[in-house]
Each structure stands twice: as structure tokens, then as C-alpha cells.
């Protein structure tokens, strides 16, 4: 078997990689990631498995290819210097000489004996050689080589946006496998989906797999890694950062709990979250604060105004991450959060807010993302806060997709009266805890949140 080096693709989709001696068609619309996927296949082959690779390009020059791949962390020049890689530039070859170039190309392949081959794109051969000539090249010339040497070749084919036909309609009939990379519009975002309609000697379980392109290349949503594991039973509790709220929760939050703070704009959801983040950082826990609505300087200014020791927290264990999730898919956002968790290894996490995600994502997809994030935080024993901008009457949480998954729900609301703004809160839900069932009054003061009976 020939592995791509993309763990999820190898282990969960193909179950140990491509069969040796295969011709694989990689088709897709412009920008879908065909070149990145194929380049990763060759690069990982040399870097991880010591296998020679050759990239035959009719789309971009060697300089262009090397520079674009280096931005994704793939140094092909280094592999070339080690004798593990060759780049064949056919971009400037004239149509009338391409048949002669093919003979020279096959001689080069036989001499170099690569384990991995990429032709990018095969459609140029089809244009020049025609249907029958392309069949001969793929099946007789290139096909014979890969069968003899147990090599694997990826053939890249352009697919027009919205078209069902792949390339010139002939490549898929002479190959052993077909991978199609598609765009799907989903709300305000466009997501990338991989389909595998054909793969000889392999049983593909799902009809499609969602992926994203990041600075690390192709990344899939690795759902199997998030299966709920048996957790060691613990009575350990962590603070909310608000003494009265800890008392209302019978001593605080169980470690690993997921908390949803829901309320209208102005109820203080972010202030509650800042109390939690700063207090736990001061107590020695690593805390990641993900802000999707407010810039970092605004959060820091707010904590200073409340008298919280934000500088000490930032110097020790608190790290604030800010980005705008607009036009990003739930999978992209989840993988970014997952990477933060893997690299920073937080013991506490704040996601502020789900509303910012919800504005730009299909709700079903967002619920799925929250479920995966819930499993991820549970598996890593991370106590997590999620904020949601919704009106609540302490009985019903509108966004049920999130509320059914969390362990604790804190509802916040306010009303206007003659004296001004009156804020009220209640613990709507707290699994496994003898929590307060009362509705409490609270205020946002120069010390932050103050809760009263």
C-alpha cells in the first residue's frame, strides 16, 4: 500500500493508503486543492517514507511550484538535492513537440524509477493527443511502468464549476481510482468536500468527506479521534472566578464541564467569562480565551477596569486568541480550535461567542461542530465556557442544539424599571451538582460581577 502521509485520509478513508500499482484520477474545480493534495502525496512519500517522486507539470513552472509549496511547509528543493525528487516542467512545450517529449519523459521516469508520480494536469495531454492517444499514454505507457514497479500515479484533471463531466470524459475509464474535490455552498460559506466514487480493491464507507486547506496543507475533520472515552471519575472542582457563583454551584464547576452562558446583549456574558479565565490562570491553570467579537485590547481594558489582575494572568497562563469567523466553515473553525488545544494544552477554555459563529454558519453544521468540540474538551479534561447572545426566561434556551450538550447553563437577563436596569440570573442546569434553584439579582460593578440573594 502507498500512504499519502495524511493520517486521516490513510487510516480512516482508504484504510492504509492507495493500492500499489494504481493510476488515480484527482479531479476538481479550480482552487479545490488538487495540486496541494497531489504535492503532499509526493512530498510525504520522500520525507516520511524515503520514496522517490516525480512531478510532471503542464500548469506552472518549477519556480512557481517550489515557492507556492514552500508556503505550505513543503521544501521540494531540499528533496531534489537529496535525489528523492524531480520536477519536470512541460509548461513551455509546444503542442507539435509534445509527443516527442512524452517519449523523453517516459525514458526519464524509467531511469529515475519513482515510487510516486503526479501529472498536472492530464487534460493537456488529452487536448493534444486526443482520446485514443491519451488512452495509450495512460494505459500502455504510464500504466505499464507503474504496474511493473508497483508505483502509484496521480493524474490531475480540471473540472468546470458545476459540471458533472470529469476532464475529457475518458480519464476515469482507464484509472483504478477517482477522487473528486468539490465546492459546496453552505449558508454564507463555501466548503470543500472530497468524494471517492471509484477505488479498486477498497471499500469507501462514506459518500463524502469535508476538508479544509490551511497553512499546514490538506486537513480533514478527524471525527474518529473524538470518540467519547471513558473518563476517570473526578470530584475535582474549578472556580468560576466569582465566589458567590461558586457557592451557588455547590463549590464550583466539575473539571471538564462545559458551561453555556446565555443572555441578551449587555447582560455581562463576557464579564462572567473574564472572571473565569483570569481566576483560573492566576490559580495556575493554562487558559485559552477565544474572542470572535471583541478585540484583545478591549478585553484587556475591561478586565483592568474591573480590577482583575490581567497582566499577571497574561504573563503566566492566560492566552487570548482573536479572529473573525466570517466566511469560514464549522470544520475550519473546529480544526483551528483543535490545533490551539493540541499546542497550548489549556485546562480551561472560553469560546466567546457562539453567536458570532452562528451568524455565518448553517445551524445544523454549527451544532455538529459544538458536539465535536464538546467531545474534544471532555477527552482532554478541559473546563469550557461558551457564551450565547439570546434572550432567555430561565426555562427555555432557544439554541437547543448547544444547550442539550453542555453540563451547566447559566441564564442572564435584565429589565428596565423606574430605578434603572435590574439584572437577574439563574442556574438553569448543572449536572451532578446540588446547585441553587433560585433567581438571583446581580450587577456589573467596578469589581465585575456582584451577585446577591
Protein backbone atom coordinates (compact mmCIF):
# COMPACT_ATOMS: atom_id res chain seq x y z
CA UNK A 1 0.00 0.00 0.00
CA UNK A 2 1.11 3.56 -0.71
CA UNK A 3 0.23 6.01 2.06
CA UNK A 4 -0.23 9.72 1.39
CA UNK A 5 1.12 10.71 4.80
CA UNK A 6 -2.19 12.49 5.56
CA UNK A 7 -3.14 10.44 8.61
CA UNK A 8 -6.92 10.72 8.45
CA UNK A 9 -7.02 10.01 4.71
CA UNK A 10 -4.77 6.96 5.03
CA UNK A 11 -6.23 5.43 8.18
CA UNK A 12 -9.91 6.37 8.08
CA UNK A 13 -10.80 6.83 4.41
CA UNK A 14 -8.57 4.43 2.45
CA UNK A 15 -7.64 2.17 5.36
CA UNK A 16 -3.86 2.15 4.85
CA UNK A 17 -3.44 4.11 1.61
CA UNK A 18 -3.63 3.54 -2.15
CA UNK A 19 -3.14 0.03 -3.58
CA UNK A 20 0.34 -0.26 -5.12
CA UNK A 21 0.45 -0.05 -8.90
CA UNK A 22 -2.57 2.28 -9.15
CA UNK A 23 -3.49 5.10 -11.52
CA UNK A 24 -5.59 7.58 -9.51
CA UNK A 25 -7.53 10.46 -11.07
CA UNK A 26 -7.77 13.58 -8.87
CA UNK A 27 -10.43 15.84 -10.37
CA UNK A 28 -11.86 19.11 -9.15
CA UNK A 29 -12.72 22.72 -9.76
CA UNK A 30 -10.05 25.43 -9.77
CA UNK A 31 -8.93 26.18 -6.22
CA UNK A 32 -10.30 22.96 -4.74
CA UNK A 33 -6.83 21.79 -3.67
CA UNK A 34 -5.90 19.22 -6.34
CA UNK A 35 -2.29 20.39 -6.63
CA UNK A 36 -1.85 20.68 -2.86
CA UNK A 37 -3.23 17.17 -2.29
CA UNK A 38 -1.04 15.67 -5.03
CA UNK A 39 2.07 17.58 -3.98
CA UNK A 40 1.54 16.44 -0.38
CA UNK A 41 1.35 12.85 -1.64
CA UNK A 42 4.77 13.18 -3.32
CA UNK A 43 6.37 15.25 -0.56
CA UNK A 44 5.33 12.93 2.28
CA UNK A 45 6.46 9.95 0.24
CA UNK A 46 10.01 11.29 0.14
CA UNK A 47 10.10 12.99 3.55
CA UNK A 48 8.35 10.33 5.64
CA UNK A 49 8.93 7.12 3.70
CA UNK A 50 12.10 7.78 1.66
CA UNK A 51 10.32 7.08 -1.64
CA UNK A 52 11.31 8.85 -4.86
CA UNK A 53 8.76 11.11 -6.51
CA UNK A 54 8.40 12.94 -9.81
CA UNK A 55 6.02 15.84 -10.53
CA UNK A 56 5.22 16.46 -14.21
CA UNK A 57 3.71 19.91 -14.59
CA UNK A 58 1.97 21.44 -17.57
CA UNK A 59 0.38 24.12 -15.37
CA UNK A 60 3.17 26.01 -13.57
CA UNK A 61 6.92 26.41 -13.72
CA UNK A 62 9.35 24.83 -11.31
CA UNK A 63 9.99 28.18 -9.62
CA UNK A 64 6.27 28.86 -9.15
CA UNK A 65 5.66 25.36 -7.79
CA UNK A 66 8.58 25.44 -5.35
CA UNK A 67 7.61 28.87 -4.00
CA UNK A 68 3.92 28.06 -3.50
CA UNK A 69 4.65 24.73 -1.83
CA UNK A 70 7.26 26.28 0.48
CA UNK A 71 4.47 28.49 1.87
CA UNK A 72 2.74 25.27 2.97
CA UNK A 73 5.87 23.97 4.65
CA UNK A 74 6.98 21.68 1.79
CA UNK A 75 10.61 22.22 0.72
CA UNK A 76 10.90 20.34 -2.59
CA UNK A 77 14.30 21.87 -3.36
CA UNK A 78 15.70 20.07 -0.32
CA UNK A 79 14.26 16.76 -1.57
CA UNK A 80 15.67 17.37 -5.05
CA UNK A 81 19.15 17.94 -3.61
CA UNK A 82 18.86 14.58 -1.82
CA UNK A 83 17.99 12.80 -5.06
CA UNK A 84 14.45 11.97 -3.90
CA UNK A 85 12.51 14.30 -6.20
CA UNK A 86 12.39 15.53 -9.78
CA UNK A 87 10.24 18.29 -11.23
CA UNK A 88 9.55 18.09 -14.97
CA UNK A 89 8.47 21.43 -16.43
CA UNK A 90 6.43 20.98 -19.61
CA UNK A 91 4.68 24.35 -19.39
CA UNK A 92 6.60 25.82 -22.33
CA UNK A 93 6.49 22.71 -24.54
CA UNK A 94 4.81 23.37 -27.89
CA UNK A 95 1.92 21.17 -28.95
CA UNK A 96 3.71 19.90 -32.04
CA UNK A 97 6.60 18.56 -29.93
CA UNK A 98 4.67 17.06 -27.03
CA UNK A 99 4.62 13.52 -28.49
CA UNK A 100 8.40 13.58 -28.65
CA UNK A 101 8.51 14.99 -25.12
CA UNK A 102 6.38 12.09 -23.89
CA UNK A 103 8.98 9.62 -25.16
CA UNK A 104 11.73 11.54 -23.39
CA UNK A 105 9.53 11.76 -20.28
CA UNK A 106 8.97 8.01 -20.14
CA UNK A 107 12.71 7.44 -20.54
CA UNK A 108 13.31 9.82 -17.62
CA UNK A 109 10.74 8.00 -15.49
CA UNK A 110 12.24 4.60 -16.27
CA UNK A 111 15.73 5.90 -15.45
CA UNK A 112 14.66 7.61 -12.18
CA UNK A 113 12.26 4.81 -11.14
CA UNK A 114 10.00 6.91 -8.89
CA UNK A 115 7.57 5.27 -6.47
CA UNK A 116 5.20 8.25 -6.81
CA UNK A 117 4.23 10.17 -9.95
CA UNK A 118 1.97 13.20 -10.49
CA UNK A 119 0.80 14.51 -13.89
CA UNK A 120 -0.67 18.02 -13.56
CA UNK A 121 -2.98 18.29 -15.49
CA UNK A 122 -3.72 15.27 -17.65
CA UNK A 123 -6.23 17.33 -19.65
CA UNK A 124 -3.41 18.98 -21.62
CA UNK A 125 -2.35 15.56 -22.90
CA UNK A 126 -5.97 14.88 -23.82
CA UNK A 127 -6.17 18.12 -25.79
CA UNK A 128 -3.06 17.34 -27.82
CA UNK A 129 -3.15 13.55 -28.10
CA UNK A 130 -6.92 13.11 -28.38
CA UNK A 131 -8.98 10.37 -26.78
CA UNK A 132 -7.15 7.38 -28.22
CA UNK A 133 -3.69 8.87 -27.77
CA UNK A 134 -4.44 9.65 -24.12
CA UNK A 135 -5.67 6.09 -23.56
CA UNK A 136 -2.42 4.74 -24.99
CA UNK A 137 -0.33 7.06 -22.79
CA UNK A 138 -2.23 6.27 -19.61
CA UNK A 139 -2.92 2.59 -20.08
CA UNK A 140 0.05 1.36 -22.09
CA UNK A 141 2.98 3.64 -21.36
CA UNK A 142 2.46 5.05 -17.87
CA UNK A 143 0.24 2.18 -16.74
CA UNK A 144 2.77 -0.43 -17.71
CA UNK A 145 5.50 1.32 -15.75
CA UNK A 146 3.53 1.65 -12.51
CA UNK A 147 2.40 -1.98 -12.66
CA UNK A 148 5.97 -3.16 -13.23
CA UNK A 149 7.49 -1.08 -10.44
CA UNK A 150 4.48 -1.03 -8.05
CA UNK A 151 4.40 2.75 -8.29
CA UNK A 152 1.35 4.97 -7.81
CA UNK A 153 0.44 7.85 -10.14
CA UNK A 154 -1.97 10.72 -9.51
CA UNK A 155 -3.46 12.34 -12.61
CA UNK A 156 -4.89 15.81 -12.05
CA UNK A 157 -7.95 16.78 -14.12
CA UNK A 158 -9.66 20.14 -14.22
CA UNK A 159 -13.41 20.08 -13.68
CA UNK A 160 -15.52 23.04 -14.72
CA UNK A 161 -17.53 24.61 -11.89
CA UNK A 162 -20.94 22.95 -11.71
CA UNK A 163 -20.08 20.36 -14.38
CA UNK A 164 -20.52 16.64 -13.79
CA UNK A 165 -18.13 15.57 -16.52
CA UNK A 166 -14.54 15.00 -15.40
CA UNK A 167 -11.81 16.24 -17.72
CA UNK A 168 -12.48 14.98 -21.24
CA UNK A 169 -14.64 12.11 -20.11
CA UNK A 170 -12.07 9.41 -20.84
CA UNK A 171 -9.59 9.52 -17.96
CA UNK A 172 -11.93 7.93 -15.41
CA UNK A 173 -12.37 4.80 -17.53
CA UNK A 174 -8.69 3.81 -17.57
CA UNK A 175 -7.82 4.54 -13.94
CA UNK A 176 -8.05 2.45 -10.78
CA UNK A 177 -9.47 5.18 -8.60
CA UNK A 178 -11.24 8.53 -8.86
CA UNK A 179 -11.10 11.30 -6.26
CA UNK A 180 -13.33 14.33 -6.83
CA UNK A 181 -12.82 17.59 -4.95
CA UNK A 182 -15.93 19.78 -4.92
CA UNK A 183 -17.18 23.10 -3.62
CA UNK A 184 -20.50 23.21 -1.75
CA UNK A 185 -22.28 26.42 -0.82
CA UNK A 186 -23.47 26.32 2.77
CA UNK A 187 -25.08 29.50 4.02
CA UNK A 188 -22.55 32.30 3.64
CA UNK A 189 -19.60 29.98 3.30
CA UNK A 190 -18.28 27.59 0.69
CA UNK A 191 -16.97 24.30 2.00
CA UNK A 192 -14.70 21.77 0.35
CA UNK A 193 -15.81 18.15 0.06
CA UNK A 194 -13.94 15.08 -1.19
CA UNK A 195 -15.86 12.29 -2.92
CA UNK A 196 -14.39 8.93 -3.93
CA UNK A 197 -16.78 7.35 -6.48
CA UNK A 198 -14.27 4.68 -7.51
CA UNK A 199 -11.35 2.94 -5.81
CA UNK A 200 -10.47 -0.61 -6.82
CA UNK A 201 -9.67 -3.02 -4.00
CA UNK A 202 -11.01 -0.53 -1.43
CA UNK A 203 -14.33 -0.13 0.35
CA UNK A 204 -15.11 3.55 0.97
CA UNK A 205 -17.51 3.95 3.89
CA UNK A 206 -18.86 7.48 3.38
CA UNK A 207 -20.02 9.30 0.27
CA UNK A 208 -18.06 12.45 1.06
CA UNK A 209 -15.51 13.88 3.49
CA UNK A 210 -15.15 17.55 4.36
CA UNK A 211 -11.69 19.09 4.37
CA UNK A 212 -10.04 22.48 4.60
CA UNK A 213 -6.83 23.98 3.25
CA UNK A 214 -4.71 25.58 5.94
CA UNK A 215 -1.08 26.67 6.21
CA UNK A 216 -0.37 23.01 7.01
CA UNK A 217 -1.96 21.82 3.76
CA UNK A 218 -4.99 19.50 3.47
CA UNK A 219 -6.75 18.78 6.78
CA UNK A 220 -9.78 16.54 7.33
CA UNK A 221 -12.23 16.54 10.21
CA UNK A 222 -10.83 13.64 12.21
CA UNK A 223 -14.07 12.53 13.86
CA UNK A 224 -12.78 9.07 14.98
CA UNK A 225 -10.23 10.78 17.22
CA UNK A 226 -13.11 12.40 19.10
CA UNK A 227 -14.96 9.27 20.18
CA UNK A 228 -16.11 9.72 23.78
CA UNK A 229 -13.67 7.88 26.02
CA UNK A 230 -14.34 6.57 29.49
CA UNK A 231 -13.36 9.41 31.76
CA UNK A 232 -11.83 8.88 35.16
CA UNK A 233 -14.48 9.86 37.68
CA UNK A 234 -13.47 13.05 39.44
CA UNK A 235 -14.85 15.28 42.16
CA UNK A 236 -12.26 17.95 41.43
CA UNK A 237 -13.79 21.38 41.01
CA UNK A 238 -12.53 24.59 39.46
CA UNK A 239 -13.61 28.12 40.22
CA UNK A 240 -15.91 30.31 38.16
CA UNK A 241 -13.87 33.27 39.38
CA UNK A 242 -16.93 34.60 41.25
CA UNK A 243 -17.17 33.47 44.87
CA UNK A 244 -20.97 33.71 45.10
CA UNK A 245 -21.41 31.77 41.85
CA UNK A 246 -19.11 29.03 43.18
CA UNK A 247 -21.37 28.76 46.22
CA UNK A 248 -24.46 28.59 44.01
CA UNK A 249 -22.79 25.70 42.12
CA UNK A 250 -22.04 23.78 45.33
CA UNK A 251 -18.35 24.63 45.32
CA UNK A 252 -17.65 25.46 41.68
CA UNK A 253 -17.54 23.60 38.36
CA UNK A 254 -16.53 19.99 37.94
CA UNK A 255 -13.33 19.78 35.98
CA UNK A 256 -14.12 19.04 32.34
CA UNK A 257 -17.60 20.58 32.50
CA UNK A 258 -18.99 22.51 29.51
CA UNK A 259 -20.77 25.71 30.55
CA UNK A 260 -23.20 27.74 28.44
CA UNK A 261 -23.78 31.36 29.49
CA UNK A 262 -26.82 32.68 27.67
CA UNK A 263 -28.34 36.15 27.74
CA UNK A 264 -29.14 39.29 25.77
CA UNK A 265 -26.55 41.88 24.80
CA UNK A 266 -25.49 43.83 27.88
CA UNK A 267 -26.14 41.08 30.42
CA UNK A 268 -22.43 40.59 31.09
CA UNK A 269 -21.65 37.25 29.43
CA UNK A 270 -18.12 38.35 28.55
CA UNK A 271 -17.58 39.70 32.08
CA UNK A 272 -18.55 36.32 33.57
CA UNK A 273 -16.12 34.67 31.15
CA UNK A 274 -13.28 37.04 32.02
CA UNK A 275 -13.73 36.28 35.72
CA UNK A 276 -13.44 32.57 34.92
CA UNK A 277 -10.41 32.97 32.64
CA UNK A 278 -8.35 35.29 34.84
CA UNK A 279 -9.07 33.49 38.13
CA UNK A 280 -8.09 30.08 36.76
CA UNK A 281 -4.95 31.47 35.15
CA UNK A 282 -3.92 33.03 38.47
CA UNK A 283 -4.53 29.66 40.18
CA UNK A 284 -2.01 28.05 37.82
CA UNK A 285 -4.21 26.60 35.07
CA UNK A 286 -3.49 27.25 31.39
CA UNK A 287 -6.44 29.15 29.92
CA UNK A 288 -7.25 29.80 26.24
CA UNK A 289 -9.69 32.64 25.56
CA UNK A 290 -11.12 32.63 22.00
CA UNK A 291 -12.68 36.00 21.18
CA UNK A 292 -14.74 36.21 17.99
CA UNK A 293 -16.40 39.58 18.64
CA UNK A 294 -14.14 41.81 20.74
CA UNK A 295 -10.50 42.76 20.03
CA UNK A 296 -7.82 41.81 22.52
CA UNK A 297 -7.12 45.34 23.73
CA UNK A 298 -10.80 45.85 24.54
CA UNK A 299 -10.89 42.66 26.63
CA UNK A 300 -7.73 43.65 28.48
CA UNK A 301 -9.10 47.16 29.14
CA UNK A 302 -12.34 45.70 30.53
CA UNK A 303 -10.51 43.40 32.96
CA UNK A 304 -8.36 46.30 34.16
CA UNK A 305 -11.48 48.38 34.75
CA UNK A 306 -12.88 45.57 36.90
CA UNK A 307 -9.66 45.37 38.90
CA UNK A 308 -8.78 41.89 37.68
CA UNK A 309 -5.04 41.05 37.63
CA UNK A 310 -4.97 40.64 33.85
CA UNK A 311 -1.24 41.42 33.41
CA UNK A 312 -0.29 38.70 35.88
CA UNK A 313 -2.64 36.24 34.13
CA UNK A 314 -1.20 37.04 30.68
CA UNK A 315 2.36 36.70 31.95
CA UNK A 316 1.63 33.28 33.40
CA UNK A 317 -1.11 31.08 31.98
CA UNK A 318 -3.71 33.07 30.00
CA UNK A 319 -3.54 33.35 26.22
CA UNK A 320 -6.09 35.30 24.18
CA UNK A 321 -6.78 34.31 20.57
CA UNK A 322 -8.87 36.60 18.35
CA UNK A 323 -10.16 36.10 14.81
CA UNK A 324 -13.28 36.79 12.79
CA UNK A 325 -15.05 33.55 11.82
CA UNK A 326 -16.89 35.12 8.87
CA UNK A 327 -16.75 33.04 5.66
CA UNK A 328 -15.14 30.09 7.47
CA UNK A 329 -16.80 26.69 7.67
CA UNK A 330 -17.51 24.97 11.01
CA UNK A 331 -14.84 22.39 10.17
CA UNK A 332 -12.23 25.10 9.57
CA UNK A 333 -13.11 26.76 12.88
CA UNK A 334 -13.11 23.47 14.76
CA UNK A 335 -9.72 22.43 13.37
CA UNK A 336 -8.27 25.79 14.35
CA UNK A 337 -9.57 25.40 17.90
CA UNK A 338 -8.32 21.80 17.95
CA UNK A 339 -4.84 22.96 16.96
CA UNK A 340 -4.85 25.56 19.75
CA UNK A 341 -5.79 22.84 22.23
CA UNK A 342 -3.10 20.48 20.95
CA UNK A 343 -0.34 23.09 21.01
CA UNK A 344 -1.27 25.22 24.06
CA UNK A 345 -2.81 22.36 26.09
CA UNK A 346 -5.25 24.52 28.09
CA UNK A 347 -7.05 23.29 31.19
CA UNK A 348 -9.74 25.95 30.75
CA UNK A 349 -11.25 27.36 27.56
CA UNK A 350 -13.58 30.24 26.71
CA UNK A 351 -15.41 30.49 23.36
CA UNK A 352 -16.89 33.99 23.16
CA UNK A 353 -19.23 33.72 21.41
CA UNK A 354 -21.31 31.05 19.68
CA UNK A 355 -23.43 33.89 18.31
CA UNK A 356 -20.56 35.12 16.13
CA UNK A 357 -20.22 31.62 14.69
CA UNK A 358 -23.96 31.21 14.31
CA UNK A 359 -24.30 34.35 12.19
CA UNK A 360 -22.15 32.88 9.43
CA UNK A 361 -22.85 29.15 9.65
CA UNK A 362 -25.69 26.78 8.96
CA UNK A 363 -27.15 25.88 12.36
CA UNK A 364 -27.04 22.11 11.81
CA UNK A 365 -23.37 22.31 10.89
CA UNK A 366 -22.68 24.55 13.89
CA UNK A 367 -24.39 22.07 16.23
CA UNK A 368 -22.20 19.31 14.81
CA UNK A 369 -19.10 21.42 15.39
CA UNK A 370 -20.15 22.12 19.00
CA UNK A 371 -20.68 18.39 19.57
CA UNK A 372 -17.17 17.61 18.32
CA UNK A 373 -15.74 20.41 20.44
CA UNK A 374 -17.65 19.06 23.43
CA UNK A 375 -16.07 15.63 22.91
CA UNK A 376 -12.63 17.17 22.45
CA UNK A 377 -12.80 19.17 25.68
CA UNK A 378 -14.12 16.16 27.57
CA UNK A 379 -11.34 13.92 26.30
CA UNK A 380 -8.75 16.50 27.43
CA UNK A 381 -10.47 17.32 30.76
CA UNK A 382 -10.87 20.98 29.76
CA UNK A 383 -13.43 23.11 31.60
CA UNK A 384 -15.06 25.22 28.88
CA UNK A 385 -17.24 28.35 28.78
CA UNK A 386 -19.42 29.12 25.76
CA UNK A 387 -21.36 32.38 25.51
CA UNK A 388 -24.57 32.81 23.52
CA UNK A 389 -26.43 36.04 22.78
CA UNK A 390 -30.08 35.04 23.18
CA UNK A 391 -32.99 36.15 25.35
CA UNK A 392 -33.92 33.59 27.98
CA UNK A 393 -36.74 33.28 30.51
CA UNK A 394 -34.73 30.77 32.62
CA UNK A 395 -36.96 27.96 31.33
CA UNK A 396 -36.13 27.63 27.64
CA UNK A 397 -32.78 28.13 25.90
CA UNK A 398 -33.54 28.94 22.24
CA UNK A 399 -30.42 27.30 20.80
CA UNK A 400 -31.28 23.78 21.92
CA UNK A 401 -28.50 22.26 19.84
CA UNK A 402 -25.95 23.74 22.24
CA UNK A 403 -27.99 23.54 25.45
CA UNK A 404 -28.52 19.77 25.30
CA UNK A 405 -24.78 19.13 25.07
CA UNK A 406 -23.46 21.24 27.92
CA UNK A 407 -23.31 20.33 31.61
CA UNK A 408 -24.13 23.74 33.05
CA UNK A 409 -26.40 26.52 31.77
CA UNK A 410 -26.34 29.96 33.36
CA UNK A 411 -29.14 32.25 32.20
CA UNK A 412 -28.81 36.04 32.34
CA UNK A 413 -31.46 38.68 31.68
CA UNK A 414 -32.34 42.27 32.51
CA UNK A 415 -35.37 44.51 32.57
CA UNK A 416 -35.85 48.25 32.73
CA UNK A 417 -37.78 49.81 35.62
CA UNK A 418 -38.07 53.23 37.22
CA UNK A 419 -34.84 52.72 39.16
CA UNK A 420 -32.89 51.71 36.05
CA UNK A 421 -31.62 48.33 34.85
CA UNK A 422 -32.35 45.29 37.01
CA UNK A 423 -30.30 42.22 36.16
CA UNK A 424 -31.30 38.69 37.16
CA UNK A 425 -29.63 35.32 36.75
CA UNK A 426 -30.34 31.66 37.39
CA UNK A 427 -28.55 28.33 37.09
CA UNK A 428 -30.87 26.60 34.65
CA UNK A 429 -28.94 23.33 34.68
CA UNK A 430 -25.92 21.85 36.45
CA UNK A 431 -25.39 18.12 36.03
CA UNK A 432 -24.38 16.21 39.15
CA UNK A 433 -24.46 19.31 41.34
CA UNK A 434 -26.69 20.43 44.21
CA UNK A 435 -26.94 23.90 42.69
CA UNK A 436 -29.06 26.90 43.62
CA UNK A 437 -32.58 26.82 42.16
CA UNK A 438 -33.27 30.49 42.97
CA UNK A 439 -33.35 33.52 40.68
CA UNK A 440 -30.64 35.89 41.89
CA UNK A 441 -30.12 39.58 41.31
CA UNK A 442 -26.70 40.70 40.11
CA UNK A 443 -24.92 43.87 38.98
CA UNK A 444 -21.91 44.75 36.83
CA UNK A 445 -19.79 46.98 39.07
CA UNK A 446 -16.24 48.32 39.04
CA UNK A 447 -15.28 44.95 40.56
CA UNK A 448 -17.01 42.99 37.84
CA UNK A 449 -19.96 40.75 38.60
CA UNK A 450 -21.59 41.09 42.02
CA UNK A 451 -24.34 38.52 42.81
CA UNK A 452 -26.93 38.97 45.53
CA UNK A 453 -29.63 36.76 47.07
